[in-house]
């Protein structure tokens, strides 16, 4: 169950990062509200997962899911460039997450 909570926390991190971009510096009420609610959900789920998982593992996996997920949203929905260096960096983050999971 802690891994499911951690995964969901990561999904909420992707949501708040994406909606923060759409909030235009917190000047748009809808995306701003989504950002704040998703942040609360993400942090709450992370805190619950940390009851059972080691701090380093939980935080690394959470930020990795958020970073790679936000990267993918940027590529797919926001037209950001998919350069070889950016793709390699995202791949390295994913490999780090997998290794962290396997080592726990």
Protein backbone atom coordinates (compact mmCIF):
# COMPACT_ATOMS: atom_id res chain seq x y z
CA UNK A 1 0.00 0.00 0.00
CA UNK A 2 2.76 2.57 0.69
CA UNK A 3 4.07 2.16 -2.86
CA UNK A 4 0.60 2.81 -4.28
CA UNK A 5 0.29 5.94 -2.13
CA UNK A 6 3.73 7.06 -3.25
CA UNK A 7 2.85 6.51 -6.91
CA UNK A 8 -0.37 8.51 -6.49
CA UNK A 9 1.59 11.25 -4.71
CA UNK A 10 3.84 11.40 -7.75
CA UNK A 11 0.84 11.69 -10.07
CA UNK A 12 -0.48 14.59 -8.01
CA UNK A 13 2.97 16.19 -8.23
CA UNK A 14 2.73 16.03 -12.03
CA UNK A 15 -0.72 17.61 -11.82
CA UNK A 16 0.36 20.48 -9.58
CA UNK A 17 3.47 21.22 -11.62
CA UNK A 18 1.47 21.28 -14.84
CA UNK A 19 -1.36 23.35 -13.43
CA UNK A 20 1.16 25.76 -11.89
CA UNK A 21 2.49 26.43 -15.40
CA UNK A 22 -1.08 26.97 -16.59
CA UNK A 23 -1.81 29.33 -13.68
CA UNK A 24 0.40 31.97 -15.31
CA UNK A 25 2.11 32.96 -12.06
CA UNK A 26 -1.01 32.31 -9.98
CA UNK A 27 -3.00 34.91 -11.95
CA UNK A 28 -5.62 32.43 -13.22
CA UNK A 29 -7.97 31.21 -10.45
CA UNK A 30 -8.89 27.78 -11.88
CA UNK A 31 -5.39 26.44 -12.45
CA UNK A 32 -4.25 28.09 -9.20
CA UNK A 33 -6.91 26.20 -7.23
CA UNK A 34 -5.97 22.92 -8.96
CA UNK A 35 -2.31 23.58 -8.12
CA UNK A 36 -3.01 24.12 -4.43
CA UNK A 37 -5.35 21.13 -4.08
CA UNK A 38 -2.98 18.83 -5.95
CA UNK A 39 -0.07 20.01 -3.76
CA UNK A 40 -2.00 19.19 -0.62
CA UNK A 41 -2.94 15.75 -1.94
CA UNK A 42 0.60 15.05 -3.11
CA UNK A 43 2.21 16.02 0.20
CA UNK A 44 -0.42 14.14 2.23
CA UNK A 45 0.09 10.93 0.24
CA UNK A 46 3.87 11.31 0.43
CA UNK A 47 3.65 11.72 4.21
CA UNK A 48 1.50 8.60 4.53
CA UNK A 49 3.89 6.58 2.35
CA UNK A 50 6.82 7.76 4.48
CA UNK A 51 5.29 6.03 7.49
CA UNK A 52 6.54 2.76 6.00
CA UNK A 53 9.16 3.67 3.41
CA UNK A 54 12.63 5.08 4.06
CA UNK A 55 12.91 8.85 3.61
CA UNK A 56 15.53 8.69 0.87
CA UNK A 57 13.63 6.11 -1.13
CA UNK A 58 10.24 7.79 -0.81
CA UNK A 59 11.50 11.27 -1.62
CA UNK A 60 13.64 10.13 -4.54
CA UNK A 61 10.84 8.13 -6.13
CA UNK A 62 8.30 10.92 -5.54
CA UNK A 63 10.44 13.62 -7.11
CA UNK A 64 11.46 11.30 -9.94
CA UNK A 65 7.87 10.50 -10.85
CA UNK A 66 7.03 14.18 -10.73
CA UNK A 67 10.07 15.26 -12.74
CA UNK A 68 9.70 12.69 -15.50
CA UNK A 69 5.92 13.05 -15.57
CA UNK A 70 6.12 16.84 -15.85
CA UNK A 71 8.75 16.40 -18.57
CA UNK A 72 6.38 14.14 -20.55
CA UNK A 73 3.45 16.54 -20.06
CA UNK A 74 5.68 19.35 -21.29
CA UNK A 75 6.60 17.37 -24.40
CA UNK A 76 3.12 16.08 -25.21
CA UNK A 77 0.79 18.88 -24.12
CA UNK A 78 2.92 22.01 -24.07
CA UNK A 79 5.08 21.57 -27.15
CA UNK A 80 8.44 21.56 -25.38
CA UNK A 81 11.42 20.21 -27.36
CA UNK A 82 12.45 16.56 -27.12
CA UNK A 83 16.19 16.96 -27.58
CA UNK A 84 18.49 13.95 -27.23
CA UNK A 85 20.06 15.38 -24.07
CA UNK A 86 16.67 15.97 -22.42
CA UNK A 87 15.52 12.45 -23.33
CA UNK A 88 18.75 10.98 -21.94
CA UNK A 89 18.34 12.94 -18.72
CA UNK A 90 14.76 11.68 -18.29
CA UNK A 91 15.95 8.13 -18.98
CA UNK A 92 18.61 8.45 -16.31
CA UNK A 93 15.99 9.64 -13.81
CA UNK A 94 13.77 6.65 -14.64
CA UNK A 95 16.69 4.24 -14.26
CA UNK A 96 17.47 5.79 -10.87
CA UNK A 97 13.87 5.33 -9.75
CA UNK A 98 13.90 1.68 -10.83
CA UNK A 99 17.18 1.06 -9.03
CA UNK A 100 15.88 2.78 -5.89
CA UNK A 101 12.74 0.61 -5.95
CA UNK A 102 14.77 -2.58 -6.47
CA UNK A 103 17.08 -1.71 -3.60
CA UNK A 104 14.25 -1.21 -1.10
